[in-house]
Amino acid sequence: GSLIFFGRDGLLVAGSRIHRHHDLFVTYLSLKTRQVTLKAFFSRSNCIGNTLKGIRGLLIKYDEDPGSLATVRKLCQTCKQDLLLLDELLGYLDESQNQFAISSINEKINNGDSEPQSPKKKKKGKVRINATERGRNKLKNLLAIPKLFADLKSQTKDFVKNMVAFNEELNALELV
């Protein structure tokens, strides 16, 4: 038999026949690595959001501490560099997802094995699926690759909007 352990950021597989599902695992783990990258991106973008909030606070209290202008300029420059790098990273993620065509995902999920196996028919016309196909179908349901892909596309789209907002806010703060 084969065992699959699902974890928060991946999975562990063991068994002598697990190689039959190699294509599904590679697809799933490829998407999971993108998801982990987006989680790190989210954390970093929150840091930039907090820095922009701090810059706004320094500008509001500029009358009390005129010397804070140098700090504001330095923080703006740092944020600008960080936003450029995050924009570039997000562009790479988006591009990799666009190249990861959903049609190829569906083909892998629907076609399955490299060796086509014809289902055996019972006497009354019912199709009997062998144990490998049943296991593969269960695995497809557990991995939920199309849903994972759709979630990643949606998250990436949201992050693109956030990055545009951060860039606009930074440009506004630099004008003050």
N, C-alpha and C. Protein backbone atom coordinates (compact mmCIF):
# COMPACT_ATOMS: atom_id res chain seq x y z
N GLY A 1 0.82 -1.18 0.00
CA GLY A 1 0.00 0.00 0.00
C GLY A 1 0.86 1.25 0.00
N SER A 2 0.22 2.34 -0.10
CA SER A 2 0.88 3.64 -0.10
C SER A 2 0.29 4.52 0.98
N LEU A 3 1.12 5.40 1.51
CA LEU A 3 0.69 6.34 2.54
C LEU A 3 0.97 7.76 2.08
N ILE A 4 0.05 8.65 2.39
CA ILE A 4 0.24 10.07 2.09
C ILE A 4 -0.11 10.84 3.35
N PHE A 5 0.83 11.66 3.80
CA PHE A 5 0.62 12.52 4.95
C PHE A 5 0.56 13.95 4.46
N PHE A 6 -0.56 14.62 4.71
CA PHE A 6 -0.70 16.01 4.32
C PHE A 6 -0.29 16.90 5.48
N GLY A 7 0.55 17.88 5.17
CA GLY A 7 0.99 18.85 6.16
C GLY A 7 0.53 20.24 5.76
N ARG A 8 0.88 21.21 6.57
CA ARG A 8 0.48 22.59 6.30
C ARG A 8 1.07 23.11 5.01
N ASP A 9 2.32 22.78 4.73
CA ASP A 9 3.02 23.33 3.57
C ASP A 9 3.45 22.27 2.56
N GLY A 10 2.89 21.10 2.61
CA GLY A 10 3.29 20.08 1.65
C GLY A 10 2.76 18.72 2.05
N LEU A 11 3.43 17.70 1.55
CA LEU A 11 3.00 16.34 1.87
C LEU A 11 4.19 15.39 1.87
N LEU A 12 3.97 14.26 2.50
CA LEU A 12 4.97 13.21 2.57
C LEU A 12 4.32 11.95 2.01
N VAL A 13 4.98 11.33 1.03
CA VAL A 13 4.42 10.13 0.41
C VAL A 13 5.39 8.97 0.59
N ALA A 14 4.83 7.79 0.75
CA ALA A 14 5.64 6.59 0.90
C ALA A 14 4.89 5.41 0.31
N GLY A 15 5.62 4.55 -0.33
CA GLY A 15 5.01 3.36 -0.88
C GLY A 15 5.70 2.93 -2.16
N SER A 16 5.56 1.67 -2.47
CA SER A 16 6.26 1.14 -3.64
C SER A 16 5.57 1.51 -4.95
N ARG A 17 4.31 1.88 -4.90
CA ARG A 17 3.58 2.17 -6.14
C ARG A 17 3.26 3.65 -6.30
N ILE A 18 3.85 4.46 -5.48
CA ILE A 18 3.53 5.89 -5.49
C ILE A 18 3.99 6.55 -6.79
N HIS A 19 4.96 5.98 -7.46
CA HIS A 19 5.47 6.55 -8.71
C HIS A 19 4.40 6.64 -9.80
N ARG A 20 3.34 5.88 -9.67
CA ARG A 20 2.26 5.92 -10.65
C ARG A 20 1.56 7.28 -10.68
N HIS A 21 1.67 8.00 -9.59
CA HIS A 21 0.98 9.28 -9.46
C HIS A 21 1.96 10.45 -9.44
N HIS A 22 3.13 10.21 -9.94
CA HIS A 22 4.21 11.21 -9.93
C HIS A 22 3.76 12.54 -10.54
N ASP A 23 3.05 12.50 -11.65
CA ASP A 23 2.62 13.72 -12.33
C ASP A 23 1.70 14.57 -11.46
N LEU A 24 0.81 13.92 -10.73
CA LEU A 24 -0.09 14.67 -9.85
C LEU A 24 0.68 15.32 -8.70
N PHE A 25 1.63 14.58 -8.14
CA PHE A 25 2.42 15.12 -7.02
C PHE A 25 3.28 16.30 -7.47
N VAL A 26 3.89 16.19 -8.62
CA VAL A 26 4.73 17.28 -9.12
C VAL A 26 3.88 18.53 -9.36
N THR A 27 2.72 18.34 -9.96
CA THR A 27 1.82 19.48 -10.20
C THR A 27 1.39 20.11 -8.89
N TYR A 28 0.98 19.28 -7.95
CA TYR A 28 0.51 19.78 -6.65
C TYR A 28 1.63 20.53 -5.92
N LEU A 29 2.80 19.93 -5.85
CA LEU A 29 3.89 20.56 -5.11
C LEU A 29 4.40 21.83 -5.80
N SER A 30 4.32 21.86 -7.11
CA SER A 30 4.68 23.08 -7.83
C SER A 30 3.75 24.22 -7.43
N LEU A 31 2.47 23.93 -7.33
CA LEU A 31 1.52 24.96 -6.90
C LEU A 31 1.69 25.31 -5.43
N LYS A 32 1.99 24.31 -4.61
CA LYS A 32 2.20 24.58 -3.17
C LYS A 32 3.40 25.49 -2.93
N THR A 33 4.47 25.33 -3.73
CA THR A 33 5.63 26.21 -3.55
C THR A 33 5.27 27.64 -3.90
N ARG A 34 4.42 27.81 -4.90
CA ARG A 34 3.95 29.16 -5.23
C ARG A 34 3.12 29.72 -4.08
N GLN A 35 2.32 28.87 -3.45
CA GLN A 35 1.51 29.31 -2.33
C GLN A 35 2.38 29.74 -1.14
N VAL A 36 3.42 29.00 -0.87
CA VAL A 36 4.34 29.36 0.22
C VAL A 36 5.02 30.70 -0.09
N THR A 37 5.39 30.90 -1.35
CA THR A 37 6.00 32.16 -1.76
C THR A 37 5.02 33.32 -1.56
N LEU A 38 3.75 33.11 -1.89
CA LEU A 38 2.75 34.16 -1.69
C LEU A 38 2.53 34.47 -0.21
N LYS A 39 2.66 33.47 0.64
CA LYS A 39 2.55 33.71 2.08
C LYS A 39 3.68 34.63 2.56
N ALA A 40 4.88 34.36 2.09
CA ALA A 40 6.02 35.21 2.46
C ALA A 40 5.84 36.61 1.87
N PHE A 41 5.32 36.67 0.66
CA PHE A 41 5.04 37.96 0.02
C PHE A 41 4.03 38.75 0.85
N PHE A 42 3.01 38.07 1.33
CA PHE A 42 2.00 38.73 2.16
C PHE A 42 2.62 39.33 3.41
N SER A 43 3.48 38.58 4.07
CA SER A 43 4.14 39.08 5.28
C SER A 43 4.97 40.33 4.97
N ARG A 44 5.73 40.26 3.89
CA ARG A 44 6.58 41.40 3.53
C ARG A 44 5.75 42.61 3.11
N SER A 45 4.65 42.37 2.41
CA SER A 45 3.82 43.51 2.01
C SER A 45 3.15 44.15 3.22
N ASN A 46 2.83 43.36 4.24
CA ASN A 46 2.30 43.94 5.48
C ASN A 46 3.34 44.83 6.16
N CYS A 47 4.60 44.43 6.12
CA CYS A 47 5.67 45.26 6.69
C CYS A 47 5.75 46.60 5.96
N ILE A 48 5.63 46.55 4.65
CA ILE A 48 5.68 47.80 3.88
C ILE A 48 4.46 48.67 4.20
N GLY A 49 3.31 48.04 4.34
CA GLY A 49 2.11 48.80 4.72
C GLY A 49 2.29 49.49 6.06
N ASN A 50 2.89 48.80 7.01
CA ASN A 50 3.15 49.40 8.32
C ASN A 50 4.17 50.54 8.22
N THR A 51 5.18 50.37 7.38
CA THR A 51 6.17 51.44 7.20
C THR A 51 5.52 52.67 6.58
N LEU A 52 4.66 52.48 5.61
CA LEU A 52 3.96 53.62 4.99
C LEU A 52 3.07 54.33 6.01
N LYS A 53 2.46 53.55 6.87
CA LYS A 53 1.63 54.12 7.95
C LYS A 53 2.51 54.96 8.89
N GLY A 54 3.71 54.44 9.19
CA GLY A 54 4.64 55.19 10.04
C GLY A 54 5.11 56.48 9.39
N ILE A 55 5.33 56.42 8.08
CA ILE A 55 5.74 57.64 7.35
C ILE A 55 4.62 58.68 7.43
N ARG A 56 3.38 58.24 7.24
CA ARG A 56 2.24 59.17 7.35
C ARG A 56 2.22 59.81 8.73
N GLY A 57 2.45 59.00 9.76
CA GLY A 57 2.47 59.52 11.13
C GLY A 57 3.56 60.55 11.34
N LEU A 58 4.75 60.30 10.78
CA LEU A 58 5.85 61.27 10.90
C LEU A 58 5.52 62.58 10.17
N LEU A 59 4.86 62.48 9.04
CA LEU A 59 4.51 63.68 8.29
C LEU A 59 3.43 64.50 9.00
N ILE A 60 2.53 63.82 9.68
CA ILE A 60 1.48 64.53 10.42
C ILE A 60 2.10 65.31 11.58
N LYS A 61 3.11 64.73 12.20
CA LYS A 61 3.75 65.37 13.36
C LYS A 61 5.00 66.15 12.96
N TYR A 62 5.09 66.54 11.72
CA TYR A 62 6.27 67.24 11.21
C TYR A 62 6.49 68.56 11.96
N ASP A 63 5.41 69.25 12.32
CA ASP A 63 5.52 70.53 13.03
C ASP A 63 6.23 70.36 14.37
N GLU A 64 5.99 69.23 15.03
CA GLU A 64 6.59 68.98 16.34
C GLU A 64 8.07 68.62 16.21
N ASP A 65 8.44 67.92 15.15
CA ASP A 65 9.82 67.49 14.96
C ASP A 65 10.25 67.71 13.50
N PRO A 66 10.71 68.92 13.18
CA PRO A 66 11.11 69.20 11.79
C PRO A 66 12.29 68.33 11.32
N GLY A 67 13.05 67.78 12.24
CA GLY A 67 14.18 66.94 11.89
C GLY A 67 13.77 65.58 11.36
N SER A 68 12.50 65.24 11.47
CA SER A 68 12.03 63.93 11.03
C SER A 68 11.96 63.82 9.50
N LEU A 69 12.14 64.93 8.81
CA LEU A 69 12.07 64.90 7.35
C LEU A 69 13.15 64.00 6.75
N ALA A 70 14.34 64.00 7.33
CA ALA A 70 15.41 63.12 6.84
C ALA A 70 15.02 61.65 7.02
N THR A 71 14.39 61.35 8.15
CA THR A 71 13.93 59.99 8.39
C THR A 71 12.85 59.59 7.38
N VAL A 72 11.95 60.53 7.10
CA VAL A 72 10.89 60.27 6.13
C VAL A 72 11.48 59.96 4.76
N ARG A 73 12.44 60.76 4.34
CA ARG A 73 13.07 60.53 3.03
C ARG A 73 13.76 59.17 2.97
N LYS A 74 14.46 58.83 4.05
CA LYS A 74 15.15 57.54 4.08
C LYS A 74 14.15 56.38 4.03
N LEU A 75 13.08 56.48 4.81
CA LEU A 75 12.06 55.43 4.82
C LEU A 75 11.37 55.33 3.45
N CYS A 76 11.11 56.48 2.82
CA CYS A 76 10.50 56.46 1.48
C CYS A 76 11.41 55.76 0.47
N GLN A 77 12.70 56.04 0.55
CA GLN A 77 13.64 55.42 -0.37
C GLN A 77 13.71 53.91 -0.15
N THR A 78 13.74 53.50 1.10
CA THR A 78 13.76 52.07 1.43
C THR A 78 12.49 51.38 0.93
N CYS A 79 11.34 52.02 1.17
CA CYS A 79 10.07 51.45 0.70
C CYS A 79 10.03 51.36 -0.82
N LYS A 80 10.56 52.36 -1.47
CA LYS A 80 10.56 52.35 -2.94
C LYS A 80 11.38 51.16 -3.47
N GLN A 81 12.54 50.92 -2.87
CA GLN A 81 13.38 49.78 -3.28
C GLN A 81 12.68 48.45 -3.00
N ASP A 82 12.08 48.35 -1.81
CA ASP A 82 11.37 47.12 -1.46
C ASP A 82 10.18 46.88 -2.38
N LEU A 83 9.45 47.93 -2.72
CA LEU A 83 8.30 47.79 -3.61
C LEU A 83 8.74 47.37 -5.01
N LEU A 84 9.86 47.87 -5.46
CA LEU A 84 10.37 47.45 -6.77
C LEU A 84 10.67 45.95 -6.78
N LEU A 85 11.33 45.49 -5.73
CA LEU A 85 11.65 44.06 -5.64
C LEU A 85 10.39 43.20 -5.52
N LEU A 86 9.44 43.65 -4.71
CA LEU A 86 8.20 42.88 -4.55
C LEU A 86 7.39 42.88 -5.84
N ASP A 87 7.37 44.01 -6.55
CA ASP A 87 6.69 44.07 -7.85
C ASP A 87 7.31 43.07 -8.82
N GLU A 88 8.62 43.00 -8.82
CA GLU A 88 9.32 42.08 -9.71
C GLU A 88 8.99 40.63 -9.34
N LEU A 89 9.03 40.31 -8.06
CA LEU A 89 8.71 38.97 -7.60
C LEU A 89 7.27 38.59 -7.97
N LEU A 90 6.35 39.51 -7.75
CA LEU A 90 4.96 39.25 -8.07
C LEU A 90 4.77 39.05 -9.58
N GLY A 91 5.51 39.80 -10.37
CA GLY A 91 5.47 39.62 -11.82
C GLY A 91 5.94 38.23 -12.22
N TYR A 92 7.01 37.76 -11.59
CA TYR A 92 7.51 36.40 -11.88
C TYR A 92 6.48 35.34 -11.49
N LEU A 93 5.86 35.52 -10.32
CA LEU A 93 4.84 34.57 -9.88
C LEU A 93 3.66 34.55 -10.84
N ASP A 94 3.22 35.73 -11.23
CA ASP A 94 2.08 35.81 -12.15
C ASP A 94 2.43 35.16 -13.50
N GLU A 95 3.62 35.44 -13.98
CA GLU A 95 4.06 34.86 -15.25
C GLU A 95 4.13 33.34 -15.16
N SER A 96 4.65 32.83 -14.05
CA SER A 96 4.77 31.37 -13.91
C SER A 96 3.39 30.72 -13.84
N GLN A 97 2.44 31.42 -13.24
CA GLN A 97 1.08 30.87 -13.18
C GLN A 97 0.42 30.92 -14.55
N ASN A 98 0.69 31.96 -15.32
CA ASN A 98 0.12 32.04 -16.66
C ASN A 98 0.68 30.95 -17.56
N GLN A 99 1.94 30.60 -17.37
CA GLN A 99 2.55 29.52 -18.15
C GLN A 99 2.08 28.14 -17.67
N PHE A 100 1.59 28.10 -16.48
CA PHE A 100 1.08 26.87 -15.88
C PHE A 100 -0.37 26.74 -16.30
N ALA A 101 -0.57 26.45 -17.55
CA ALA A 101 -1.91 26.49 -18.14
C ALA A 101 -2.87 25.55 -17.45
N ILE A 102 -4.04 26.04 -17.18
CA ILE A 102 -5.06 25.24 -16.52
C ILE A 102 -5.46 24.05 -17.39
N SER A 103 -5.35 24.20 -18.69
CA SER A 103 -5.70 23.07 -19.55
C SER A 103 -4.77 21.89 -19.32
N SER A 104 -3.47 22.20 -19.09
CA SER A 104 -2.55 21.10 -18.82
C SER A 104 -2.85 20.46 -17.47
N ILE A 105 -3.33 21.25 -16.53
CA ILE A 105 -3.72 20.69 -15.23
C ILE A 105 -4.89 19.75 -15.43
N ASN A 106 -5.89 20.22 -16.14
CA ASN A 106 -7.06 19.37 -16.37
C ASN A 106 -6.71 18.11 -17.15
N GLU A 107 -5.80 18.23 -18.12
CA GLU A 107 -5.37 17.06 -18.87
C GLU A 107 -4.72 16.05 -17.95
N LYS A 108 -3.83 16.53 -17.09
CA LYS A 108 -3.14 15.62 -16.18
C LYS A 108 -4.13 14.94 -15.24
N ILE A 109 -5.10 15.72 -14.80
CA ILE A 109 -6.05 15.15 -13.86
C ILE A 109 -7.00 14.19 -14.56
N ASN A 110 -7.47 14.57 -15.74
CA ASN A 110 -8.45 13.73 -16.43
C ASN A 110 -7.82 12.51 -17.09
N ASN A 111 -6.65 12.71 -17.71
CA ASN A 111 -6.02 11.59 -18.43
C ASN A 111 -5.31 10.65 -17.49
N GLY A 112 -4.59 11.24 -16.55
CA GLY A 112 -3.95 10.40 -15.54
C GLY A 112 -2.72 9.69 -16.03
N ASP A 113 -2.76 8.38 -15.99
CA ASP A 113 -1.57 7.57 -16.24
C ASP A 113 -1.05 7.73 -17.65
N SER A 114 0.24 7.51 -17.78
CA SER A 114 0.85 7.53 -19.10
C SER A 114 0.45 6.30 -19.90
N GLU A 115 0.07 5.24 -19.21
CA GLU A 115 -0.39 4.03 -19.88
C GLU A 115 -1.91 3.98 -19.81
N PRO A 116 -2.58 4.20 -20.93
CA PRO A 116 -4.05 4.15 -20.87
C PRO A 116 -4.52 2.74 -20.56
N GLN A 117 -5.46 2.64 -19.64
CA GLN A 117 -6.00 1.35 -19.28
C GLN A 117 -7.48 1.35 -19.60
N SER A 118 -7.90 0.35 -20.31
CA SER A 118 -9.32 0.30 -20.65
C SER A 118 -10.08 -0.31 -19.48
N PRO A 119 -11.19 0.34 -19.11
CA PRO A 119 -11.97 -0.19 -18.00
C PRO A 119 -12.60 -1.52 -18.39
N LYS A 120 -12.72 -2.39 -17.42
CA LYS A 120 -13.32 -3.70 -17.65
C LYS A 120 -14.83 -3.56 -17.45
N LYS A 121 -15.58 -4.23 -18.30
CA LYS A 121 -17.03 -4.15 -18.19
C LYS A 121 -17.59 -5.42 -17.53
N LYS A 122 -18.57 -5.19 -16.68
CA LYS A 122 -19.29 -6.31 -16.09
C LYS A 122 -20.36 -6.76 -17.08
N LYS A 123 -21.06 -7.79 -16.73
CA LYS A 123 -22.09 -8.35 -17.61
C LYS A 123 -23.24 -7.38 -17.87
N LYS A 124 -23.65 -6.62 -16.88
CA LYS A 124 -24.83 -5.77 -17.02
C LYS A 124 -24.49 -4.40 -17.60
N GLY A 125 -23.31 -4.21 -18.16
CA GLY A 125 -22.96 -2.95 -18.80
C GLY A 125 -22.35 -1.92 -17.86
N LYS A 126 -22.18 -2.23 -16.61
CA LYS A 126 -21.56 -1.30 -15.67
C LYS A 126 -20.05 -1.32 -15.86
N VAL A 127 -19.44 -0.16 -15.71
CA VAL A 127 -17.99 -0.06 -15.86
C VAL A 127 -17.36 -0.31 -14.50
N ARG A 128 -16.40 -1.22 -14.49
CA ARG A 128 -15.66 -1.52 -13.26
C ARG A 128 -14.30 -0.85 -13.35
N ILE A 129 -13.96 -0.05 -12.36
CA ILE A 129 -12.69 0.66 -12.34
C ILE A 129 -11.73 -0.12 -11.46
N ASN A 130 -10.50 -0.30 -11.95
CA ASN A 130 -9.53 -1.06 -11.17
C ASN A 130 -9.06 -0.26 -9.95
N ALA A 131 -8.35 -0.91 -9.06
CA ALA A 131 -7.92 -0.31 -7.80
C ALA A 131 -7.01 0.88 -8.01
N THR A 132 -6.15 0.83 -9.03
CA THR A 132 -5.24 1.95 -9.29
C THR A 132 -6.02 3.20 -9.66
N GLU A 133 -7.02 3.05 -10.50
CA GLU A 133 -7.84 4.19 -10.91
C GLU A 133 -8.65 4.74 -9.74
N ARG A 134 -9.18 3.84 -8.90
CA ARG A 134 -9.92 4.30 -7.72
C ARG A 134 -9.00 5.11 -6.81
N GLY A 135 -7.79 4.61 -6.60
CA GLY A 135 -6.83 5.33 -5.78
C GLY A 135 -6.45 6.66 -6.39
N ARG A 136 -6.27 6.68 -7.69
CA ARG A 136 -5.92 7.92 -8.39
C ARG A 136 -7.06 8.94 -8.28
N ASN A 137 -8.28 8.48 -8.41
CA ASN A 137 -9.43 9.38 -8.28
C ASN A 137 -9.53 9.95 -6.86
N LYS A 138 -9.28 9.12 -5.86
CA LYS A 138 -9.28 9.61 -4.48
C LYS A 138 -8.18 10.66 -4.29
N LEU A 139 -7.01 10.37 -4.86
CA LEU A 139 -5.89 11.30 -4.75
C LEU A 139 -6.21 12.63 -5.42
N LYS A 140 -6.84 12.59 -6.58
CA LYS A 140 -7.23 13.81 -7.27
C LYS A 140 -8.16 14.65 -6.40
N ASN A 141 -9.09 13.99 -5.75
CA ASN A 141 -10.01 14.71 -4.87
C ASN A 141 -9.29 15.31 -3.66
N LEU A 142 -8.35 14.57 -3.10
CA LEU A 142 -7.61 15.08 -1.95
C LEU A 142 -6.71 16.25 -2.31
N LEU A 143 -6.04 16.17 -3.45
CA LEU A 143 -5.11 17.23 -3.84
C LEU A 143 -5.85 18.49 -4.29
N ALA A 144 -7.00 18.36 -4.90
CA ALA A 144 -7.83 19.49 -5.35
C ALA A 144 -6.99 20.52 -6.12
N ILE A 145 -6.28 20.05 -7.12
CA ILE A 145 -5.35 20.91 -7.88
C ILE A 145 -6.05 22.07 -8.58
N PRO A 146 -7.17 21.88 -9.26
CA PRO A 146 -7.80 23.04 -9.90
C PRO A 146 -8.22 24.13 -8.91
N LYS A 147 -8.69 23.74 -7.73
CA LYS A 147 -9.07 24.72 -6.71
C LYS A 147 -7.84 25.47 -6.20
N LEU A 148 -6.76 24.74 -5.96
CA LEU A 148 -5.52 25.36 -5.50
C LEU A 148 -5.02 26.37 -6.53
N PHE A 149 -5.07 25.99 -7.80
CA PHE A 149 -4.63 26.89 -8.87
C PHE A 149 -5.51 28.13 -8.93
N ALA A 150 -6.82 27.95 -8.84
CA ALA A 150 -7.74 29.10 -8.88
C ALA A 150 -7.50 30.03 -7.69
N ASP A 151 -7.27 29.46 -6.51
CA ASP A 151 -6.98 30.27 -5.32
C ASP A 151 -5.71 31.08 -5.50
N LEU A 152 -4.68 30.46 -6.05
CA LEU A 152 -3.41 31.16 -6.28
C LEU A 152 -3.59 32.31 -7.26
N LYS A 153 -4.33 32.08 -8.33
CA LYS A 153 -4.58 33.14 -9.31
C LYS A 153 -5.32 34.31 -8.65
N SER A 154 -6.30 33.99 -7.84
CA SER A 154 -7.08 35.02 -7.15
C SER A 154 -6.22 35.81 -6.17
N GLN A 155 -5.39 35.11 -5.39
CA GLN A 155 -4.51 35.78 -4.44
C GLN A 155 -3.51 36.68 -5.15
N THR A 156 -2.96 36.19 -6.24
CA THR A 156 -1.99 36.98 -7.00
C THR A 156 -2.64 38.24 -7.54
N LYS A 157 -3.85 38.11 -8.04
CA LYS A 157 -4.59 39.27 -8.56
C LYS A 157 -4.81 40.30 -7.46
N ASP A 158 -5.16 39.83 -6.26
CA ASP A 158 -5.35 40.73 -5.12
C ASP A 158 -4.05 41.43 -4.73
N PHE A 159 -2.95 40.68 -4.76
CA PHE A 159 -1.66 41.29 -4.41
C PHE A 159 -1.23 42.33 -5.44
N VAL A 160 -1.56 42.11 -6.69
CA VAL A 160 -1.24 43.10 -7.73
C VAL A 160 -1.97 44.41 -7.40
N LYS A 161 -3.24 44.31 -7.00
CA LYS A 161 -4.00 45.50 -6.62
C LYS A 161 -3.37 46.19 -5.41
N ASN A 162 -2.96 45.39 -4.42
CA ASN A 162 -2.33 45.96 -3.23
C ASN A 162 -1.04 46.69 -3.58
N MET A 163 -0.26 46.10 -4.47
CA MET A 163 1.02 46.72 -4.86
C MET A 163 0.78 48.05 -5.57
N VAL A 164 -0.24 48.11 -6.41
CA VAL A 164 -0.58 49.37 -7.08
C VAL A 164 -0.95 50.42 -6.03
N ALA A 165 -1.75 50.03 -5.04
CA ALA A 165 -2.15 50.95 -3.98
C ALA A 165 -0.93 51.41 -3.16
N PHE A 166 -0.03 50.51 -2.84
CA PHE A 166 1.17 50.89 -2.09
C PHE A 166 2.02 51.87 -2.89
N ASN A 167 2.19 51.61 -4.18
CA ASN A 167 2.99 52.52 -5.01
C ASN A 167 2.35 53.90 -5.10
N GLU A 168 1.03 53.94 -5.24
CA GLU A 168 0.33 55.23 -5.29
C GLU A 168 0.47 55.97 -3.97
N GLU A 169 0.34 55.25 -2.87
CA GLU A 169 0.47 55.87 -1.56
C GLU A 169 1.88 56.41 -1.34
N LEU A 170 2.87 55.64 -1.75
CA LEU A 170 4.26 56.10 -1.60
C LEU A 170 4.51 57.35 -2.45
N ASN A 171 4.00 57.35 -3.67
CA ASN A 171 4.16 58.54 -4.53
C ASN A 171 3.49 59.76 -3.89
N ALA A 172 2.32 59.58 -3.30
CA ALA A 172 1.63 60.67 -2.62
C ALA A 172 2.44 61.16 -1.42
N LEU A 173 3.02 60.24 -0.68
CA LEU A 173 3.79 60.63 0.51
C LEU A 173 5.07 61.36 0.12
N GLU A 174 5.66 60.98 -1.01
CA GLU A 174 6.88 61.65 -1.46
C GLU A 174 6.62 63.08 -1.91
N LEU A 175 5.39 63.34 -2.34
CA LEU A 175 5.05 64.70 -2.78
C LEU A 175 4.86 65.66 -1.63
N VAL A 176 4.59 65.13 -0.45
CA VAL A 176 4.32 65.98 0.73
C VAL A 176 5.58 66.61 1.25
